[in-house]
PDB file of N, CA and C in Angstrom:
ATOM      1  N   MET A   1      17.295 -21.719  25.623  1.00  0.00           N
ATOM      2  CA  MET A   1      16.830 -21.114  24.395  1.00  0.00           C
ATOM      3  C   MET A   1      17.298 -21.995  23.230  1.00  0.00           C
ATOM      4  N   LYS A   2      16.387 -22.699  22.644  1.00  0.00           N
ATOM      5  CA  LYS A   2      16.696 -23.596  21.543  1.00  0.00           C
ATOM      6  C   LYS A   2      16.715 -22.807  20.229  1.00  0.00           C
ATOM      7  N   GLN A   3      17.734 -23.035  19.427  1.00  0.00           N
ATOM      8  CA  GLN A   3      17.832 -22.332  18.144  1.00  0.00           C
ATOM      9  C   GLN A   3      16.685 -22.748  17.230  1.00  0.00           C
ATOM     10  N   ASN A   4      16.126 -21.770  16.522  1.00  0.00           N
ATOM     11  CA  ASN A   4      15.026 -22.053  15.610  1.00  0.00           C
ATOM     12  C   ASN A   4      15.198 -21.368  14.253  1.00  0.00           C
ATOM     13  N   MET A   5      16.429 -20.947  13.958  1.00  0.00           N
ATOM     14  CA  MET A   5      16.704 -20.277  12.687  1.00  0.00           C
ATOM     15  C   MET A   5      17.720 -21.072  11.882  1.00  0.00           C
ATOM     16  N   GLY A   6      17.376 -21.321  10.626  1.00  0.00           N
ATOM     17  CA  GLY A   6      18.284 -22.022   9.745  1.00  0.00           C
ATOM     18  C   GLY A   6      19.274 -21.071   9.090  1.00  0.00           C
ATOM     19  N   LYS A   7      20.203 -21.661   8.362  1.00  0.00           N
ATOM     20  CA  LYS A   7      21.268 -20.884   7.722  1.00  0.00           C
ATOM     21  C   LYS A   7      20.703 -19.878   6.709  1.00  0.00           C
ATOM     22  N   SER A   8      19.744 -20.299   5.894  1.00  0.00           N
ATOM     23  CA  SER A   8      19.191 -19.390   4.884  1.00  0.00           C
ATOM     24  C   SER A   8      18.443 -18.228   5.533  1.00  0.00           C
ATOM     25  N   ASP A   9      17.766 -18.485   6.638  1.00  0.00           N
ATOM     26  CA  ASP A   9      17.066 -17.431   7.367  1.00  0.00           C
ATOM     27  C   ASP A   9      18.060 -16.394   7.886  1.00  0.00           C
ATOM     28  N   LYS A  10      19.174 -16.866   8.447  1.00  0.00           N
ATOM     29  CA  LYS A  10      20.204 -15.963   8.948  1.00  0.00           C
ATOM     30  C   LYS A  10      20.800 -15.128   7.822  1.00  0.00           C
ATOM     31  N   ILE A  11      21.066 -15.763   6.688  1.00  0.00           N
ATOM     32  CA  ILE A  11      21.654 -15.050   5.547  1.00  0.00           C
ATOM     33  C   ILE A  11      20.700 -13.976   5.036  1.00  0.00           C
ATOM     34  N   LEU A  12      19.418 -14.305   4.921  1.00  0.00           N
ATOM     35  CA  LEU A  12      18.437 -13.320   4.450  1.00  0.00           C
ATOM     36  C   LEU A  12      18.335 -12.126   5.400  1.00  0.00           C
ATOM     37  N   ARG A  13      18.411 -12.385   6.684  1.00  0.00           N
ATOM     38  CA  ARG A  13      18.346 -11.290   7.650  1.00  0.00           C
ATOM     39  C   ARG A  13      19.578 -10.389   7.557  1.00  0.00           C
ATOM     40  N   ILE A  14      20.739 -10.987   7.394  1.00  0.00           N
ATOM     41  CA  ILE A  14      21.967 -10.193   7.265  1.00  0.00           C
ATOM     42  C   ILE A  14      21.934  -9.377   5.967  1.00  0.00           C
ATOM     43  N   LEU A  15      21.421  -9.964   4.892  1.00  0.00           N
ATOM     44  CA  LEU A  15      21.289  -9.217   3.635  1.00  0.00           C
ATOM     45  C   LEU A  15      20.321  -8.046   3.799  1.00  0.00           C
ATOM     46  N   ALA A  16      19.250  -8.239   4.565  1.00  0.00           N
ATOM     47  CA  ALA A  16      18.317  -7.145   4.829  1.00  0.00           C
ATOM     48  C   ALA A  16      19.000  -6.035   5.624  1.00  0.00           C
ATOM     49  N   VAL A  17      19.840  -6.410   6.584  1.00  0.00           N
ATOM     50  CA  VAL A  17      20.584  -5.416   7.370  1.00  0.00           C
ATOM     51  C   VAL A  17      21.516  -4.619   6.469  1.00  0.00           C
ATOM     52  N   ILE A  18      22.195  -5.310   5.567  1.00  0.00           N
ATOM     53  CA  ILE A  18      23.099  -4.629   4.633  1.00  0.00           C
ATOM     54  C   ILE A  18      22.316  -3.668   3.741  1.00  0.00           C
ATOM     55  N   ALA A  19      21.153  -4.104   3.263  1.00  0.00           N
ATOM     56  CA  ALA A  19      20.323  -3.238   2.409  1.00  0.00           C
ATOM     57  C   ALA A  19      19.868  -1.995   3.181  1.00  0.00           C
ATOM     58  N   ILE A  20      19.451  -2.171   4.420  1.00  0.00           N
ATOM     59  CA  ILE A  20      19.029  -1.030   5.242  1.00  0.00           C
ATOM     60  C   ILE A  20      20.201  -0.071   5.460  1.00  0.00           C
ATOM     61  N   ALA A  21      21.382  -0.612   5.725  1.00  0.00           N
ATOM     62  CA  ALA A  21      22.560   0.229   5.933  1.00  0.00           C
ATOM     63  C   ALA A  21      22.908   1.015   4.674  1.00  0.00           C
ATOM     64  N   VAL A  22      22.846   0.361   3.527  1.00  0.00           N
ATOM     65  CA  VAL A  22      23.140   1.042   2.254  1.00  0.00           C
ATOM     66  C   VAL A  22      22.130   2.155   2.000  1.00  0.00           C
ATOM     67  N   LEU A  23      20.860   1.888   2.237  1.00  0.00           N
ATOM     68  CA  LEU A  23      19.834   2.915   2.038  1.00  0.00           C
ATOM     69  C   LEU A  23      20.054   4.110   2.966  1.00  0.00           C
ATOM     70  N   TYR A  24      20.483   3.832   4.195  1.00  0.00           N
ATOM     71  CA  TYR A  24      20.733   4.915   5.144  1.00  0.00           C
ATOM     72  C   TYR A  24      21.948   5.739   4.732  1.00  0.00           C
ATOM     73  N   VAL A  25      23.027   5.054   4.366  1.00  0.00           N
ATOM     74  CA  VAL A  25      24.260   5.758   3.987  1.00  0.00           C
ATOM     75  C   VAL A  25      24.048   6.561   2.701  1.00  0.00           C
ATOM     76  N   ALA A  26      23.243   6.023   1.784  1.00  0.00           N
ATOM     77  CA  ALA A  26      22.966   6.717   0.528  1.00  0.00           C
ATOM     78  C   ALA A  26      21.933   7.824   0.714  1.00  0.00           C
ATOM     79  N   ASP A  27      21.466   8.019   1.945  1.00  0.00           N
ATOM     80  CA  ASP A  27      20.490   9.056   2.290  1.00  0.00           C
ATOM     81  C   ASP A  27      19.161   8.871   1.577  1.00  0.00           C
ATOM     82  N   VAL A  28      18.803   7.619   1.325  1.00  0.00           N
ATOM     83  CA  VAL A  28      17.508   7.310   0.720  1.00  0.00           C
ATOM     84  C   VAL A  28      16.434   7.280   1.808  1.00  0.00           C
ATOM     85  N   ILE A  29      16.809   6.823   2.994  1.00  0.00           N
ATOM     86  CA  ILE A  29      15.890   6.821   4.124  1.00  0.00           C
ATOM     87  C   ILE A  29      16.435   7.748   5.198  1.00  0.00           C
ATOM     88  N   SER A  30      15.528   8.393   5.910  1.00  0.00           N
ATOM     89  CA  SER A  30      15.929   9.287   6.996  1.00  0.00           C
ATOM     90  C   SER A  30      14.759   9.452   7.953  1.00  0.00           C
ATOM     91  N   GLY A  31      15.006  10.130   9.035  1.00  0.00           N
ATOM     92  CA  GLY A  31      13.954  10.430   9.997  1.00  0.00           C
ATOM     93  C   GLY A  31      13.403   9.199  10.695  1.00  0.00           C
ATOM     94  N   THR A  32      12.088   9.200  10.859  1.00  0.00           N
ATOM     95  CA  THR A  32      11.408   8.128  11.578  1.00  0.00           C
ATOM     96  C   THR A  32      11.578   6.785  10.892  1.00  0.00           C
ATOM     97  N   LEU A  33      11.504   6.760   9.583  1.00  0.00           N
ATOM     98  CA  LEU A  33      11.672   5.507   8.849  1.00  0.00           C
ATOM     99  C   LEU A  33      13.058   4.918   9.082  1.00  0.00           C
ATOM    100  N   ALA A  34      14.073   5.760   9.063  1.00  0.00           N
ATOM    101  CA  ALA A  34      15.439   5.292   9.307  1.00  0.00           C
ATOM    102  C   ALA A  34      15.577   4.750  10.725  1.00  0.00           C
ATOM    103  N   LEU A  35      14.945   5.395  11.684  1.00  0.00           N
ATOM    104  CA  LEU A  35      14.997   4.940  13.063  1.00  0.00           C
ATOM    105  C   LEU A  35      14.322   3.571  13.216  1.00  0.00           C
ATOM    106  N   ILE A  36      13.151   3.426  12.647  1.00  0.00           N
ATOM    107  CA  ILE A  36      12.425   2.155  12.733  1.00  0.00           C
ATOM    108  C   ILE A  36      13.204   1.042  12.042  1.00  0.00           C
ATOM    109  N   LEU A  37      13.701   1.307  10.843  1.00  0.00           N
ATOM    110  CA  LEU A  37      14.467   0.290  10.124  1.00  0.00           C
ATOM    111  C   LEU A  37      15.790  -0.007  10.821  1.00  0.00           C
ATOM    112  N   GLY A  38      16.355   0.971  11.482  1.00  0.00           N
ATOM    113  CA  GLY A  38      17.575   0.748  12.258  1.00  0.00           C
ATOM    114  C   GLY A  38      17.329  -0.200  13.417  1.00  0.00           C
ATOM    115  N   ILE A  39      16.208  -0.023  14.088  1.00  0.00           N
ATOM    116  CA  ILE A  39      15.842  -0.926  15.187  1.00  0.00           C
ATOM    117  C   ILE A  39      15.607  -2.332  14.663  1.00  0.00           C
ATOM    118  N   VAL A  40      14.925  -2.449  13.531  1.00  0.00           N
ATOM    119  CA  VAL A  40      14.703  -3.755  12.904  1.00  0.00           C
ATOM    120  C   VAL A  40      16.038  -4.390  12.533  1.00  0.00           C
ATOM    121  N   ALA A  41      16.946  -3.600  11.989  1.00  0.00           N
ATOM    122  CA  ALA A  41      18.264  -4.110  11.599  1.00  0.00           C
ATOM    123  C   ALA A  41      19.033  -4.636  12.808  1.00  0.00           C
ATOM    124  N   ILE A  42      18.979  -3.905  13.911  1.00  0.00           N
ATOM    125  CA  ILE A  42      19.654  -4.360  15.130  1.00  0.00           C
ATOM    126  C   ILE A  42      19.055  -5.677  15.609  1.00  0.00           C
ATOM    127  N   ALA A  43      17.733  -5.775  15.582  1.00  0.00           N
ATOM    128  CA  ALA A  43      17.069  -7.021  15.987  1.00  0.00           C
ATOM    129  C   ALA A  43      17.469  -8.169  15.070  1.00  0.00           C
ATOM    130  N   PHE A  44      17.552  -7.902  13.764  1.00  0.00           N
ATOM    131  CA  PHE A  44      17.947  -8.939  12.805  1.00  0.00           C
ATOM    132  C   PHE A  44      19.372  -9.422  13.067  1.00  0.00           C
ATOM    133  N   VAL A  45      20.276  -8.506  13.365  1.00  0.00           N
ATOM    134  CA  VAL A  45      21.670  -8.891  13.639  1.00  0.00           C
ATOM    135  C   VAL A  45      21.735  -9.758  14.894  1.00  0.00           C
ATOM    136  N   ILE A  46      21.056  -9.335  15.942  1.00  0.00           N
ATOM    137  CA  ILE A  46      21.091 -10.095  17.199  1.00  0.00           C
ATOM    138  C   ILE A  46      20.495 -11.483  17.008  1.00  0.00           C
ATOM    139  N   THR A  47      19.325 -11.562  16.380  1.00  0.00           N
ATOM    140  CA  THR A  47      18.688 -12.870  16.201  1.00  0.00           C
ATOM    141  C   THR A  47      19.513 -13.760  15.279  1.00  0.00           C
ATOM    142  N   SER A  48      20.177 -13.184  14.300  1.00  0.00           N
ATOM    143  CA  SER A  48      21.015 -13.980  13.406  1.00  0.00           C
ATOM    144  C   SER A  48      22.232 -14.533  14.136  1.00  0.00           C
ATOM    145  N   LEU A  49      22.836 -13.737  14.989  1.00  0.00           N
ATOM    146  CA  LEU A  49      24.002 -14.197  15.737  1.00  0.00           C
ATOM    147  C   LEU A  49      23.634 -15.267  16.763  1.00  0.00           C
ATOM    148  N   VAL A  50      22.491 -15.107  17.400  1.00  0.00           N
ATOM    149  CA  VAL A  50      22.050 -16.046  18.430  1.00  0.00           C
ATOM    150  C   VAL A  50      21.411 -17.289  17.810  1.00  0.00           C
ATOM    151  N   GLY A  51      20.782 -17.121  16.643  1.00  0.00           N
ATOM    152  CA  GLY A  51      20.113 -18.245  15.992  1.00  0.00           C
ATOM    153  C   GLY A  51      18.730 -18.518  16.544  1.00  0.00           C
ATOM    154  N   PHE A  52      18.163 -17.531  17.218  1.00  0.00           N
ATOM    155  CA  PHE A  52      16.860 -17.699  17.858  1.00  0.00           C
ATOM    156  C   PHE A  52      15.993 -16.492  17.557  1.00  0.00           C
ATOM    157  N   CYS A  53      14.776 -16.735  17.073  1.00  0.00           N
ATOM    158  CA  CYS A  53      13.824 -15.663  16.807  1.00  0.00           C
ATOM    159  C   CYS A  53      12.631 -15.833  17.748  1.00  0.00           C
ATOM    160  N   PRO A  54      12.421 -14.891  18.676  1.00  0.00           N
ATOM    161  CA  PRO A  54      11.324 -15.022  19.632  1.00  0.00           C
ATOM    162  C   PRO A  54       9.940 -14.983  18.974  1.00  0.00           C
ATOM    163  N   LEU A  55       9.824 -14.360  17.814  1.00  0.00           N
ATOM    164  CA  LEU A  55       8.531 -14.311  17.135  1.00  0.00           C
ATOM    165  C   LEU A  55       8.117 -15.668  16.564  1.00  0.00           C
ATOM    166  N   TYR A  56       9.075 -16.561  16.394  1.00  0.00           N
ATOM    167  CA  TYR A  56       8.762 -17.898  15.897  1.00  0.00           C
ATOM    168  C   TYR A  56       8.111 -18.771  16.970  1.00  0.00           C
ATOM    169  N   LEU A  57       8.347 -18.466  18.250  1.00  0.00           N
ATOM    170  CA  LEU A  57       7.831 -19.297  19.341  1.00  0.00           C
ATOM    171  C   LEU A  57       6.308 -19.418  19.356  1.00  0.00           C
ATOM    172  N   PRO A  58       5.560 -18.314  19.400  1.00  0.00           N
ATOM    173  CA  PRO A  58       4.098 -18.452  19.463  1.00  0.00           C
ATOM    174  C   PRO A  58       3.518 -19.102  18.199  1.00  0.00           C
ATOM    175  N   LEU A  59       4.225 -18.959  17.084  1.00  0.00           N
ATOM    176  CA  LEU A  59       3.755 -19.539  15.829  1.00  0.00           C
ATOM    177  C   LEU A  59       4.242 -20.971  15.642  1.00  0.00           C
ATOM    178  N   LYS A  60       5.095 -21.427  16.571  1.00  0.00           N
ATOM    179  CA  LYS A  60       5.684 -22.775  16.522  1.00  0.00           C
ATOM    180  C   LYS A  60       6.389 -23.030  15.193  1.00  0.00           C
ATOM    181  N   LEU A  61       7.162 -22.022  14.756  1.00  0.00           N
ATOM    182  CA  LEU A  61       7.918 -22.115  13.514  1.00  0.00           C
ATOM    183  C   LEU A  61       9.377 -22.390  13.807  1.00  0.00           C
ATOM    184  N   SER A  62      10.030 -23.020  12.846  1.00  0.00           N
ATOM    185  CA  SER A  62      11.465 -23.221  12.901  1.00  0.00           C
ATOM    186  C   SER A  62      11.973 -23.394  11.473  1.00  0.00           C
ATOM    187  N   THR A  63      12.998 -22.645  11.129  1.00  0.00           N
ATOM    188  CA  THR A  63      13.585 -22.775   9.801  1.00  0.00           C
ATOM    189  C   THR A  63      14.869 -23.607   9.856  1.00  0.00           C
ATOM    190  N   LYS A  64      15.193 -24.069  11.051  1.00  0.00           N
ATOM    191  CA  LYS A  64      16.396 -24.877  11.237  1.00  0.00           C
ATOM    192  C   LYS A  64      16.089 -26.327  10.878  1.00  0.00           C
ATOM    193  N   LYS A  65      17.007 -26.927  10.112  1.00  0.00           N
ATOM    194  CA  LYS A  65      16.837 -28.324   9.749  1.00  0.00           C
ATOM    195  C   LYS A  65      17.096 -29.199  10.970  1.00  0.00           C
ATOM    196  N   PRO A  66      16.296 -30.250  11.137  1.00  0.00           N
ATOM    197  CA  PRO A  66      16.518 -31.126  12.294  1.00  0.00           C
ATOM    198  C   PRO A  66      17.849 -31.860  12.198  1.00  0.00           C
ATOM    199  N   SER A  67      18.479 -32.062  13.353  1.00  0.00           N
ATOM    200  CA  SER A  67      19.752 -32.792  13.390  1.00  0.00           C
ATOM    201  C   SER A  67      19.508 -34.259  13.120  1.00  0.00           C
ATOM    202  N   VAL A  68      20.446 -34.862  12.419  1.00  0.00           N
ATOM    203  CA  VAL A  68      20.316 -36.286  12.101  1.00  0.00           C
ATOM    204  C   VAL A  68      21.053 -37.131  13.088  1.00  0.00           C
TER     205      VAL A  68
END
């Protein structure tokens, strides 16, 4: 599994997770929306830690800078 996520992509995903968590704790989101966003947040955390996004594969995308 080759990494395809750059540093800025990882940071943006973690910031999105933090925003989702704040909205949930502040009781702004609940029910089905909270469940869906929670699943998205978990996926964002995992992909950020691993550095690999499976959705980038079929699109042949990579936000990671090439090694010199």
